[in-house]
Amino acid sequence: MVETVRDRLERMKNTPYGNYEPRREEPKEERFLTPESIYMKKVDKVIMQIETLRTKMHSGTDQYISLYQELKKAEEDFLALLQNPEDKFMDLPTAFSSRVESVKKKLLTKKF
């Protein structure tokens, strides 16, 4: 015999829970904030902002001039982050460093 949805819901409602234990959240691994991770987050944020502004500018929006001004400000912020003399002493991953260098090269040669 085919069980209807109503029958199934009634059966589930009347079934005792038994040894049911609610799921427990696994404790999250605590990460220490290092100068490298803080610096990487700042740089990633500015890079994403630059890419977003470029995408918006090329989408044919009416706000081209204001987006262009925001893009120039974001590019200046990016280059200012790279001028920090302490960056030379940070232990940054090579993938991150190569990404930053490619974005820097694009900005300085104006090839997008």
PDB file of N, CA and C in Angstrom:
ATOM      1  N   MET A   1       0.837  -1.169   0.000  1.00  0.00           N
ATOM      2  CA  MET A   1       0.000   0.000   0.000  1.00  0.00           C
ATOM      3  C   MET A   1       0.894   1.248   0.000  1.00  0.00           C
ATOM      4  N   VAL A   2       0.494   2.262  -0.727  1.00  0.00           N
ATOM      5  CA  VAL A   2       1.270   3.482  -0.853  1.00  0.00           C
ATOM      6  C   VAL A   2       0.965   4.386   0.331  1.00  0.00           C
ATOM      7  N   GLU A   3       2.039   4.880   0.932  1.00  0.00           N
ATOM      8  CA  GLU A   3       1.889   5.767   2.085  1.00  0.00           C
ATOM      9  C   GLU A   3       1.778   7.203   1.588  1.00  0.00           C
ATOM     10  N   THR A   4       0.785   7.912   2.066  1.00  0.00           N
ATOM     11  CA  THR A   4       0.596   9.297   1.644  1.00  0.00           C
ATOM     12  C   THR A   4       1.497  10.197   2.486  1.00  0.00           C
ATOM     13  N   VAL A   5       1.618  11.412   2.038  1.00  0.00           N
ATOM     14  CA  VAL A   5       2.453  12.376   2.744  1.00  0.00           C
ATOM     15  C   VAL A   5       1.877  12.635   4.129  1.00  0.00           C
ATOM     16  N   ARG A   6       0.571  12.707   4.210  1.00  0.00           N
ATOM     17  CA  ARG A   6      -0.071  12.958   5.499  1.00  0.00           C
ATOM     18  C   ARG A   6       0.213  11.816   6.474  1.00  0.00           C
ATOM     19  N   ASP A   7       0.127  10.578   5.967  1.00  0.00           N
ATOM     20  CA  ASP A   7       0.411   9.424   6.824  1.00  0.00           C
ATOM     21  C   ASP A   7       1.859   9.442   7.305  1.00  0.00           C
ATOM     22  N   ARG A   8       2.755   9.782   6.399  1.00  0.00           N
ATOM     23  CA  ARG A   8       4.173   9.831   6.760  1.00  0.00           C
ATOM     24  C   ARG A   8       4.428  10.900   7.821  1.00  0.00           C
ATOM     25  N   LEU A   9       3.809  12.073   7.657  1.00  0.00           N
ATOM     26  CA  LEU A   9       3.983  13.139   8.641  1.00  0.00           C
ATOM     27  C   LEU A   9       3.413  12.743   9.997  1.00  0.00           C
ATOM     28  N   GLU A  10       2.267  12.088   9.999  1.00  0.00           N
ATOM     29  CA  GLU A  10       1.682  11.621  11.268  1.00  0.00           C
ATOM     30  C   GLU A  10       2.590  10.599  11.936  1.00  0.00           C
ATOM     31  N   ARG A  11       3.139   9.680  11.136  1.00  0.00           N
ATOM     32  CA  ARG A  11       4.027   8.658  11.691  1.00  0.00           C
ATOM     33  C   ARG A  11       5.284   9.303  12.275  1.00  0.00           C
ATOM     34  N   MET A  12       5.837  10.275  11.571  1.00  0.00           N
ATOM     35  CA  MET A  12       7.037  10.956  12.057  1.00  0.00           C
ATOM     36  C   MET A  12       6.744  11.765  13.311  1.00  0.00           C
ATOM     37  N   LYS A  13       5.561  12.349  13.372  1.00  0.00           N
ATOM     38  CA  LYS A  13       5.175  13.148  14.533  1.00  0.00           C
ATOM     39  C   LYS A  13       5.047  12.269  15.775  1.00  0.00           C
ATOM     40  N   ASN A  14       4.534  11.074  15.606  1.00  0.00           N
ATOM     41  CA  ASN A  14       4.308  10.173  16.734  1.00  0.00           C
ATOM     42  C   ASN A  14       5.521   9.321  17.084  1.00  0.00           C
ATOM     43  N   THR A  15       6.567   9.362  16.301  1.00  0.00           N
ATOM     44  CA  THR A  15       7.751   8.559  16.552  1.00  0.00           C
ATOM     45  C   THR A  15       8.603   9.238  17.624  1.00  0.00           C
ATOM     46  N   PRO A  16       9.011   8.469  18.657  1.00  0.00           N
ATOM     47  CA  PRO A  16       9.896   9.075  19.659  1.00  0.00           C
ATOM     48  C   PRO A  16      11.269   9.353  19.047  1.00  0.00           C
ATOM     49  N   TYR A  17      11.925  10.337  19.583  1.00  0.00           N
ATOM     50  CA  TYR A  17      13.213  10.752  19.030  1.00  0.00           C
ATOM     51  C   TYR A  17      14.336   9.787  19.346  1.00  0.00           C
ATOM     52  N   GLY A  18      14.211   9.023  20.358  1.00  0.00           N
ATOM     53  CA  GLY A  18      15.233   8.037  20.674  1.00  0.00           C
ATOM     54  C   GLY A  18      16.505   8.690  21.180  1.00  0.00           C
ATOM     55  N   ASN A  19      17.622   8.283  20.636  1.00  0.00           N
ATOM     56  CA  ASN A  19      18.924   8.777  21.063  1.00  0.00           C
ATOM     57  C   ASN A  19      19.373   9.961  20.204  1.00  0.00           C
ATOM     58  N   TYR A  20      18.483  10.791  19.892  1.00  0.00           N
ATOM     59  CA  TYR A  20      18.811  11.935  19.050  1.00  0.00           C
ATOM     60  C   TYR A  20      19.617  12.952  19.846  1.00  0.00           C
ATOM     61  N   GLU A  21      20.747  13.337  19.303  1.00  0.00           N
ATOM     62  CA  GLU A  21      21.558  14.397  19.900  1.00  0.00           C
ATOM     63  C   GLU A  21      21.705  15.495  18.871  1.00  0.00           C
ATOM     64  N   PRO A  22      21.442  16.725  19.270  1.00  0.00           N
ATOM     65  CA  PRO A  22      21.581  17.814  18.304  1.00  0.00           C
ATOM     66  C   PRO A  22      23.032  17.961  17.860  1.00  0.00           C
ATOM     67  N   ARG A  23      23.173  18.443  16.640  1.00  0.00           N
ATOM     68  CA  ARG A  23      24.511  18.647  16.108  1.00  0.00           C
ATOM     69  C   ARG A  23      25.243  19.706  16.903  1.00  0.00           C
ATOM     70  N   ARG A  24      26.468  19.417  17.169  1.00  0.00           N
ATOM     71  CA  ARG A  24      27.281  20.390  17.898  1.00  0.00           C
ATOM     72  C   ARG A  24      28.234  21.049  16.924  1.00  0.00           C
ATOM     73  N   GLU A  25      28.377  22.327  17.095  1.00  0.00           N
ATOM     74  CA  GLU A  25      29.301  23.073  16.245  1.00  0.00           C
ATOM     75  C   GLU A  25      30.727  22.671  16.598  1.00  0.00           C
ATOM     76  N   GLU A  26      31.498  22.405  15.587  1.00  0.00           N
ATOM     77  CA  GLU A  26      32.909  22.111  15.806  1.00  0.00           C
ATOM     78  C   GLU A  26      33.606  23.409  16.199  1.00  0.00           C
ATOM     79  N   PRO A  27      34.472  23.356  17.172  1.00  0.00           N
ATOM     80  CA  PRO A  27      35.165  24.598  17.542  1.00  0.00           C
ATOM     81  C   PRO A  27      36.027  25.074  16.368  1.00  0.00           C
ATOM     82  N   LYS A  28      35.885  26.339  16.077  1.00  0.00           N
ATOM     83  CA  LYS A  28      36.646  26.897  14.962  1.00  0.00           C
ATOM     84  C   LYS A  28      38.102  27.050  15.361  1.00  0.00           C
ATOM     85  N   GLU A  29      38.915  26.814  14.376  1.00  0.00           N
ATOM     86  CA  GLU A  29      40.346  26.924  14.597  1.00  0.00           C
ATOM     87  C   GLU A  29      40.702  28.400  14.731  1.00  0.00           C
ATOM     88  N   GLU A  30      41.321  28.742  15.823  1.00  0.00           N
ATOM     89  CA  GLU A  30      41.692  30.134  16.033  1.00  0.00           C
ATOM     90  C   GLU A  30      42.930  30.448  15.211  1.00  0.00           C
ATOM     91  N   ARG A  31      42.832  31.548  14.480  1.00  0.00           N
ATOM     92  CA  ARG A  31      43.970  31.973  13.679  1.00  0.00           C
ATOM     93  C   ARG A  31      44.522  33.243  14.283  1.00  0.00           C
ATOM     94  N   PHE A  32      45.811  33.277  14.354  1.00  0.00           N
ATOM     95  CA  PHE A  32      46.455  34.464  14.881  1.00  0.00           C
ATOM     96  C   PHE A  32      46.587  35.493  13.767  1.00  0.00           C
ATOM     97  N   LEU A  33      46.328  36.720  14.115  1.00  0.00           N
ATOM     98  CA  LEU A  33      46.510  37.789  13.144  1.00  0.00           C
ATOM     99  C   LEU A  33      47.974  38.170  13.112  1.00  0.00           C
ATOM    100  N   THR A  34      48.542  38.023  11.947  1.00  0.00           N
ATOM    101  CA  THR A  34      49.943  38.385  11.761  1.00  0.00           C
ATOM    102  C   THR A  34      49.990  39.628  10.884  1.00  0.00           C
ATOM    103  N   PRO A  35      51.081  40.338  10.911  1.00  0.00           N
ATOM    104  CA  PRO A  35      51.183  41.497  10.013  1.00  0.00           C
ATOM    105  C   PRO A  35      51.033  41.102   8.547  1.00  0.00           C
ATOM    106  N   GLU A  36      51.483  39.898   8.195  1.00  0.00           N
ATOM    107  CA  GLU A  36      51.368  39.443   6.821  1.00  0.00           C
ATOM    108  C   GLU A  36      49.911  39.255   6.427  1.00  0.00           C
ATOM    109  N   SER A  37      49.125  38.618   7.308  1.00  0.00           N
ATOM    110  CA  SER A  37      47.723  38.368   6.971  1.00  0.00           C
ATOM    111  C   SER A  37      46.925  39.668   6.904  1.00  0.00           C
ATOM    112  N   ILE A  38      47.221  40.604   7.783  1.00  0.00           N
ATOM    113  CA  ILE A  38      46.527  41.894   7.756  1.00  0.00           C
ATOM    114  C   ILE A  38      46.870  42.636   6.469  1.00  0.00           C
ATOM    115  N   TYR A  39      48.138  42.646   6.118  1.00  0.00           N
ATOM    116  CA  TYR A  39      48.586  43.315   4.897  1.00  0.00           C
ATOM    117  C   TYR A  39      47.957  42.665   3.669  1.00  0.00           C
ATOM    118  N   MET A  40      47.914  41.336   3.640  1.00  0.00           N
ATOM    119  CA  MET A  40      47.346  40.629   2.505  1.00  0.00           C
ATOM    120  C   MET A  40      45.864  40.928   2.352  1.00  0.00           C
ATOM    121  N   LYS A  41      45.143  41.023   3.466  1.00  0.00           N
ATOM    122  CA  LYS A  41      43.717  41.344   3.404  1.00  0.00           C
ATOM    123  C   LYS A  41      43.501  42.745   2.850  1.00  0.00           C
ATOM    124  N   LYS A  42      44.313  43.698   3.286  1.00  0.00           N
ATOM    125  CA  LYS A  42      44.184  45.069   2.787  1.00  0.00           C
ATOM    126  C   LYS A  42      44.439  45.135   1.289  1.00  0.00           C
ATOM    127  N   VAL A  43      45.503  44.485   0.849  1.00  0.00           N
ATOM    128  CA  VAL A  43      45.862  44.515  -0.567  1.00  0.00           C
ATOM    129  C   VAL A  43      44.807  43.806  -1.404  1.00  0.00           C
ATOM    130  N   ASP A  44      44.320  42.647  -0.939  1.00  0.00           N
ATOM    131  CA  ASP A  44      43.275  41.927  -1.665  1.00  0.00           C
ATOM    132  C   ASP A  44      42.009  42.762  -1.797  1.00  0.00           C
ATOM    133  N   LYS A  45      41.675  43.470  -0.734  1.00  0.00           N
ATOM    134  CA  LYS A  45      40.474  44.314  -0.754  1.00  0.00           C
ATOM    135  C   LYS A  45      40.605  45.412  -1.808  1.00  0.00           C
ATOM    136  N   VAL A  46      41.755  46.042  -1.876  1.00  0.00           N
ATOM    137  CA  VAL A  46      41.965  47.113  -2.856  1.00  0.00           C
ATOM    138  C   VAL A  46      41.986  46.544  -4.274  1.00  0.00           C
ATOM    139  N   ILE A  47      42.597  45.383  -4.475  1.00  0.00           N
ATOM    140  CA  ILE A  47      42.628  44.761  -5.802  1.00  0.00           C
ATOM    141  C   ILE A  47      41.212  44.420  -6.266  1.00  0.00           C
ATOM    142  N   MET A  48      40.411  43.856  -5.376  1.00  0.00           N
ATOM    143  CA  MET A  48      39.028  43.530  -5.727  1.00  0.00           C
ATOM    144  C   MET A  48      38.233  44.784  -6.047  1.00  0.00           C
ATOM    145  N   GLN A  49      38.484  45.861  -5.319  1.00  0.00           N
ATOM    146  CA  GLN A  49      37.798  47.120  -5.573  1.00  0.00           C
ATOM    147  C   GLN A  49      38.173  47.646  -6.960  1.00  0.00           C
ATOM    148  N   ILE A  50      39.439  47.568  -7.322  1.00  0.00           N
ATOM    149  CA  ILE A  50      39.897  48.018  -8.644  1.00  0.00           C
ATOM    150  C   ILE A  50      39.221  47.198  -9.742  1.00  0.00           C
ATOM    151  N   GLU A  51      39.197  45.885  -9.576  1.00  0.00           N
ATOM    152  CA  GLU A  51      38.585  45.026 -10.588  1.00  0.00           C
ATOM    153  C   GLU A  51      37.089  45.278 -10.713  1.00  0.00           C
ATOM    154  N   THR A  52      36.422  45.499  -9.599  1.00  0.00           N
ATOM    155  CA  THR A  52      34.990  45.780  -9.625  1.00  0.00           C
ATOM    156  C   THR A  52      34.700  47.095 -10.332  1.00  0.00           C
ATOM    157  N   LEU A  53      35.487  48.115 -10.032  1.00  0.00           N
ATOM    158  CA  LEU A  53      35.279  49.410 -10.671  1.00  0.00           C
ATOM    159  C   LEU A  53      35.538  49.324 -12.179  1.00  0.00           C
ATOM    160  N   ARG A  54      36.554  48.593 -12.589  1.00  0.00           N
ATOM    161  CA  ARG A  54      36.823  48.432 -14.024  1.00  0.00           C
ATOM    162  C   ARG A  54      35.662  47.739 -14.718  1.00  0.00           C
ATOM    163  N   THR A  55      35.136  46.711 -14.078  1.00  0.00           N
ATOM    164  CA  THR A  55      34.011  45.982 -14.655  1.00  0.00           C
ATOM    165  C   THR A  55      32.799  46.896 -14.800  1.00  0.00           C
ATOM    166  N   LYS A  56      32.520  47.685 -13.776  1.00  0.00           N
ATOM    167  CA  LYS A  56      31.398  48.611 -13.848  1.00  0.00           C
ATOM    168  C   LYS A  56      31.600  49.652 -14.932  1.00  0.00           C
ATOM    169  N   MET A  57      32.827  50.142 -15.091  1.00  0.00           N
ATOM    170  CA  MET A  57      33.107  51.154 -16.109  1.00  0.00           C
ATOM    171  C   MET A  57      32.898  50.595 -17.516  1.00  0.00           C
ATOM    172  N   HIS A  58      33.279  49.355 -17.739  1.00  0.00           N
ATOM    173  CA  HIS A  58      33.171  48.759 -19.065  1.00  0.00           C
ATOM    174  C   HIS A  58      31.775  48.218 -19.353  1.00  0.00           C
ATOM    175  N   SER A  59      30.887  48.269 -18.374  1.00  0.00           N
ATOM    176  CA  SER A  59      29.538  47.757 -18.587  1.00  0.00           C
ATOM    177  C   SER A  59      28.638  48.772 -19.276  1.00  0.00           C
ATOM    178  N   GLY A  60      29.129  49.979 -19.511  1.00  0.00           N
ATOM    179  CA  GLY A  60      28.348  50.979 -20.224  1.00  0.00           C
ATOM    180  C   GLY A  60      27.396  51.730 -19.326  1.00  0.00           C
ATOM    181  N   THR A  61      27.843  52.084 -18.172  1.00  0.00           N
ATOM    182  CA  THR A  61      27.001  52.797 -17.227  1.00  0.00           C
ATOM    183  C   THR A  61      27.076  54.301 -17.451  1.00  0.00           C
ATOM    184  N   ASP A  62      26.116  55.020 -16.920  1.00  0.00           N
ATOM    185  CA  ASP A  62      26.087  56.480 -17.050  1.00  0.00           C
ATOM    186  C   ASP A  62      27.016  57.166 -16.051  1.00  0.00           C
ATOM    187  N   GLN A  63      27.542  56.434 -15.112  1.00  0.00           N
ATOM    188  CA  GLN A  63      28.376  57.010 -14.056  1.00  0.00           C
ATOM    189  C   GLN A  63      29.862  56.838 -14.352  1.00  0.00           C
ATOM    190  N   TYR A  64      30.236  56.900 -15.591  1.00  0.00           N
ATOM    191  CA  TYR A  64      31.608  56.607 -15.996  1.00  0.00           C
ATOM    192  C   TYR A  64      32.622  57.530 -15.316  1.00  0.00           C
ATOM    193  N   ILE A  65      32.316  58.828 -15.253  1.00  0.00           N
ATOM    194  CA  ILE A  65      33.283  59.794 -14.708  1.00  0.00           C
ATOM    195  C   ILE A  65      33.480  59.577 -13.210  1.00  0.00           C
ATOM    196  N   SER A  66      32.395  59.370 -12.480  1.00  0.00           N
ATOM    197  CA  SER A  66      32.548  59.141 -11.037  1.00  0.00           C
ATOM    198  C   SER A  66      33.255  57.812 -10.766  1.00  0.00           C
ATOM    199  N   LEU A  67      32.962  56.800 -11.573  1.00  0.00           N
ATOM    200  CA  LEU A  67      33.660  55.514 -11.416  1.00  0.00           C
ATOM    201  C   LEU A  67      35.140  55.657 -11.755  1.00  0.00           C
ATOM    202  N   TYR A  68      35.448  56.474 -12.745  1.00  0.00           N
ATOM    203  CA  TYR A  68      36.845  56.703 -13.113  1.00  0.00           C
ATOM    204  C   TYR A  68      37.598  57.370 -11.964  1.00  0.00           C
ATOM    205  N   GLN A  69      36.952  58.335 -11.307  1.00  0.00           N
ATOM    206  CA  GLN A  69      37.591  58.997 -10.165  1.00  0.00           C
ATOM    207  C   GLN A  69      37.800  58.027  -9.010  1.00  0.00           C
ATOM    208  N   GLU A  70      36.812  57.169  -8.760  1.00  0.00           N
ATOM    209  CA  GLU A  70      36.960  56.159  -7.709  1.00  0.00           C
ATOM    210  C   GLU A  70      38.065  55.169  -8.055  1.00  0.00           C
ATOM    211  N   LEU A  71      38.169  54.822  -9.346  1.00  0.00           N
ATOM    212  CA  LEU A  71      39.214  53.898  -9.790  1.00  0.00           C
ATOM    213  C   LEU A  71      40.595  54.499  -9.578  1.00  0.00           C
ATOM    214  N   LYS A  72      40.760  55.757  -9.917  1.00  0.00           N
ATOM    215  CA  LYS A  72      42.058  56.414  -9.718  1.00  0.00           C
ATOM    216  C   LYS A  72      42.418  56.478  -8.236  1.00  0.00           C
ATOM    217  N   LYS A  73      41.431  56.730  -7.384  1.00  0.00           N
ATOM    218  CA  LYS A  73      41.668  56.769  -5.935  1.00  0.00           C
ATOM    219  C   LYS A  73      42.086  55.378  -5.435  1.00  0.00           C
ATOM    220  N   ALA A  74      41.403  54.334  -5.922  1.00  0.00           N
ATOM    221  CA  ALA A  74      41.741  52.962  -5.516  1.00  0.00           C
ATOM    222  C   ALA A  74      43.141  52.581  -5.996  1.00  0.00           C
ATOM    223  N   GLU A  75      43.500  53.009  -7.205  1.00  0.00           N
ATOM    224  CA  GLU A  75      44.841  52.728  -7.711  1.00  0.00           C
ATOM    225  C   GLU A  75      45.906  53.432  -6.880  1.00  0.00           C
ATOM    226  N   GLU A  76      45.632  54.658  -6.475  1.00  0.00           N
ATOM    227  CA  GLU A  76      46.573  55.379  -5.611  1.00  0.00           C
ATOM    228  C   GLU A  76      46.714  54.681  -4.258  1.00  0.00           C
ATOM    229  N   ASP A  77      45.601  54.196  -3.720  1.00  0.00           N
ATOM    230  CA  ASP A  77      45.652  53.471  -2.448  1.00  0.00           C
ATOM    231  C   ASP A  77      46.481  52.195  -2.586  1.00  0.00           C
ATOM    232  N   PHE A  78      46.313  51.511  -3.708  1.00  0.00           N
ATOM    233  CA  PHE A  78      47.063  50.277  -3.954  1.00  0.00           C
ATOM    234  C   PHE A  78      48.563  50.556  -4.017  1.00  0.00           C
ATOM    235  N   LEU A  79      48.926  51.561  -4.778  1.00  0.00           N
ATOM    236  CA  LEU A  79      50.347  51.890  -4.902  1.00  0.00           C
ATOM    237  C   LEU A  79      50.920  52.400  -3.581  1.00  0.00           C
ATOM    238  N   ALA A  80      50.101  53.081  -2.775  1.00  0.00           N
ATOM    239  CA  ALA A  80      50.563  53.539  -1.463  1.00  0.00           C
ATOM    240  C   ALA A  80      50.812  52.357  -0.531  1.00  0.00           C
ATOM    241  N   LEU A  81      49.982  51.315  -0.626  1.00  0.00           N
ATOM    242  CA  LEU A  81      50.204  50.117   0.192  1.00  0.00           C
ATOM    243  C   LEU A  81      51.510  49.425  -0.175  1.00  0.00           C
ATOM    244  N   LEU A  82      51.889  49.512  -1.440  1.00  0.00           N
ATOM    245  CA  LEU A  82      53.115  48.848  -1.876  1.00  0.00           C
ATOM    246  C   LEU A  82      54.362  49.632  -1.500  1.00  0.00           C
ATOM    247  N   GLN A  83      54.217  50.896  -1.143  1.00  0.00           N
ATOM    248  CA  GLN A  83      55.357  51.735  -0.785  1.00  0.00           C
ATOM    249  C   GLN A  83      55.817  51.550   0.657  1.00  0.00           C
ATOM    250  N   ASN A  84      55.109  50.754   1.428  1.00  0.00           N
ATOM    251  CA  ASN A  84      55.444  50.532   2.831  1.00  0.00           C
ATOM    252  C   ASN A  84      56.818  49.850   2.932  1.00  0.00           C
ATOM    253  N   PRO A  85      57.778  50.461   3.627  1.00  0.00           N
ATOM    254  CA  PRO A  85      59.126  49.860   3.690  1.00  0.00           C
ATOM    255  C   PRO A  85      59.175  48.553   4.479  1.00  0.00           C
ATOM    256  N   GLU A  86      58.182  48.298   5.327  1.00  0.00           N
ATOM    257  CA  GLU A  86      58.182  47.061   6.112  1.00  0.00           C
ATOM    258  C   GLU A  86      57.801  45.847   5.268  1.00  0.00           C
ATOM    259  N   ASP A  87      57.248  46.068   4.080  1.00  0.00           N
ATOM    260  CA  ASP A  87      56.833  44.957   3.227  1.00  0.00           C
ATOM    261  C   ASP A  87      58.003  44.087   2.812  1.00  0.00           C
ATOM    262  N   LYS A  88      59.161  44.654   2.722  1.00  0.00           N
ATOM    263  CA  LYS A  88      60.334  43.901   2.288  1.00  0.00           C
ATOM    264  C   LYS A  88      60.709  42.820   3.296  1.00  0.00           C
ATOM    265  N   PHE A  89      60.331  43.022   4.547  1.00  0.00           N
ATOM    266  CA  PHE A  89      60.698  42.079   5.601  1.00  0.00           C
ATOM    267  C   PHE A  89      59.597  41.073   5.905  1.00  0.00           C
ATOM    268  N   MET A  90      58.452  41.192   5.231  1.00  0.00           N
ATOM    269  CA  MET A  90      57.345  40.265   5.463  1.00  0.00           C
ATOM    270  C   MET A  90      57.552  38.988   4.667  1.00  0.00           C
ATOM    271  N   ASP A  91      57.099  37.899   5.242  1.00  0.00           N
ATOM    272  CA  ASP A  91      57.186  36.601   4.584  1.00  0.00           C
ATOM    273  C   ASP A  91      55.860  36.342   3.872  1.00  0.00           C
ATOM    274  N   LEU A  92      55.743  36.807   2.621  1.00  0.00           N
ATOM    275  CA  LEU A  92      54.512  36.680   1.856  1.00  0.00           C
ATOM    276  C   LEU A  92      54.601  35.490   0.914  1.00  0.00           C
ATOM    277  N   PRO A  93      53.479  34.805   0.667  1.00  0.00           N
ATOM    278  CA  PRO A  93      53.497  33.679  -0.272  1.00  0.00           C
ATOM    279  C   PRO A  93      53.859  34.148  -1.684  1.00  0.00           C
ATOM    280  N   THR A  94      54.487  33.279  -2.442  1.00  0.00           N
ATOM    281  CA  THR A  94      54.924  33.655  -3.787  1.00  0.00           C
ATOM    282  C   THR A  94      53.743  33.902  -4.718  1.00  0.00           C
ATOM    283  N   ALA A  95      52.656  33.159  -4.542  1.00  0.00           N
ATOM    284  CA  ALA A  95      51.475  33.364  -5.391  1.00  0.00           C
ATOM    285  C   ALA A  95      50.894  34.756  -5.168  1.00  0.00           C
ATOM    286  N   PHE A  96      50.848  35.167  -3.919  1.00  0.00           N
ATOM    287  CA  PHE A  96      50.339  36.504  -3.603  1.00  0.00           C
ATOM    288  C   PHE A  96      51.261  37.573  -4.168  1.00  0.00           C
ATOM    289  N   SER A  97      52.545  37.393  -4.007  1.00  0.00           N
ATOM    290  CA  SER A  97      53.519  38.371  -4.507  1.00  0.00           C
ATOM    291  C   SER A  97      53.448  38.506  -6.019  1.00  0.00           C
ATOM    292  N   SER A  98      53.299  37.388  -6.720  1.00  0.00           N
ATOM    293  CA  SER A  98      53.221  37.455  -8.186  1.00  0.00           C
ATOM    294  C   SER A  98      51.934  38.126  -8.634  1.00  0.00           C
ATOM    295  N   ARG A  99      50.839  37.885  -7.913  1.00  0.00           N
ATOM    296  CA  ARG A  99      49.569  38.548  -8.241  1.00  0.00           C
ATOM    297  C   ARG A  99      49.683  40.053  -8.058  1.00  0.00           C
ATOM    298  N   VAL A 100      50.293  40.470  -6.962  1.00  0.00           N
ATOM    299  CA  VAL A 100      50.466  41.894  -6.693  1.00  0.00           C
ATOM    300  C   VAL A 100      51.350  42.531  -7.751  1.00  0.00           C
ATOM    301  N   GLU A 101      52.421  41.845  -8.138  1.00  0.00           N
ATOM    302  CA  GLU A 101      53.318  42.386  -9.154  1.00  0.00           C
ATOM    303  C   GLU A 101      52.630  42.513 -10.510  1.00  0.00           C
ATOM    304  N   SER A 102      51.775  41.548 -10.853  1.00  0.00           N
ATOM    305  CA  SER A 102      51.070  41.642 -12.138  1.00  0.00           C
ATOM    306  C   SER A 102      50.081  42.800 -12.143  1.00  0.00           C
ATOM    307  N   VAL A 103      49.389  43.015 -11.037  1.00  0.00           N
ATOM    308  CA  VAL A 103      48.458  44.150 -10.952  1.00  0.00           C
ATOM    309  C   VAL A 103      49.235  45.461 -10.992  1.00  0.00           C
ATOM    310  N   LYS A 104      50.363  45.499 -10.309  1.00  0.00           N
ATOM    311  CA  LYS A 104      51.196  46.712 -10.306  1.00  0.00           C
ATOM    312  C   LYS A 104      51.696  47.016 -11.716  1.00  0.00           C
ATOM    313  N   LYS A 105      52.113  45.985 -12.427  1.00  0.00           N
ATOM    314  CA  LYS A 105      52.614  46.174 -13.789  1.00  0.00           C
ATOM    315  C   LYS A 105      51.500  46.690 -14.697  1.00  0.00           C
ATOM    316  N   LYS A 106      50.294  46.151 -14.531  1.00  0.00           N
ATOM    317  CA  LYS A 106      49.160  46.620 -15.327  1.00  0.00           C
ATOM    318  C   LYS A 106      48.871  48.098 -15.051  1.00  0.00           C
ATOM    319  N   LEU A 107      48.937  48.480 -13.800  1.00  0.00           N
ATOM    320  CA  LEU A 107      48.656  49.884 -13.438  1.00  0.00           C
ATOM    321  C   LEU A 107      49.710  50.823 -14.002  1.00  0.00           C
ATOM    322  N   LEU A 108      50.952  50.419 -13.916  1.00  0.00           N
ATOM    323  CA  LEU A 108      52.026  51.301 -14.339  1.00  0.00           C
ATOM    324  C   LEU A 108      52.163  51.387 -15.867  1.00  0.00           C
ATOM    325  N   THR A 109      51.776  50.330 -16.577  1.00  0.00           N
ATOM    326  CA  THR A 109      51.861  50.365 -18.042  1.00  0.00           C
ATOM    327  C   THR A 109      50.523  50.735 -18.672  1.00  0.00           C
ATOM    328  N   LYS A 110      49.470  50.797 -17.859  1.00  0.00           N
ATOM    329  CA  LYS A 110      48.113  51.145 -18.312  1.00  0.00           C
ATOM    330  C   LYS A 110      47.598  50.201 -19.386  1.00  0.00           C
ATOM    331  N   LYS A 111      47.945  48.922 -19.285  1.00  0.00           N
ATOM    332  CA  LYS A 111      47.415  47.904 -20.189  1.00  0.00           C
ATOM    333  C   LYS A 111      46.436  47.047 -19.396  1.00  0.00           C
ATOM    334  N   PHE A 112      45.185  47.106 -19.809  1.00  0.00           N
ATOM    335  CA  PHE A 112      44.138  46.368 -19.087  1.00  0.00           C
ATOM    336  C   PHE A 112      43.632  45.237 -19.929  1.00  0.00           C
TER     337      PHE A 112
END
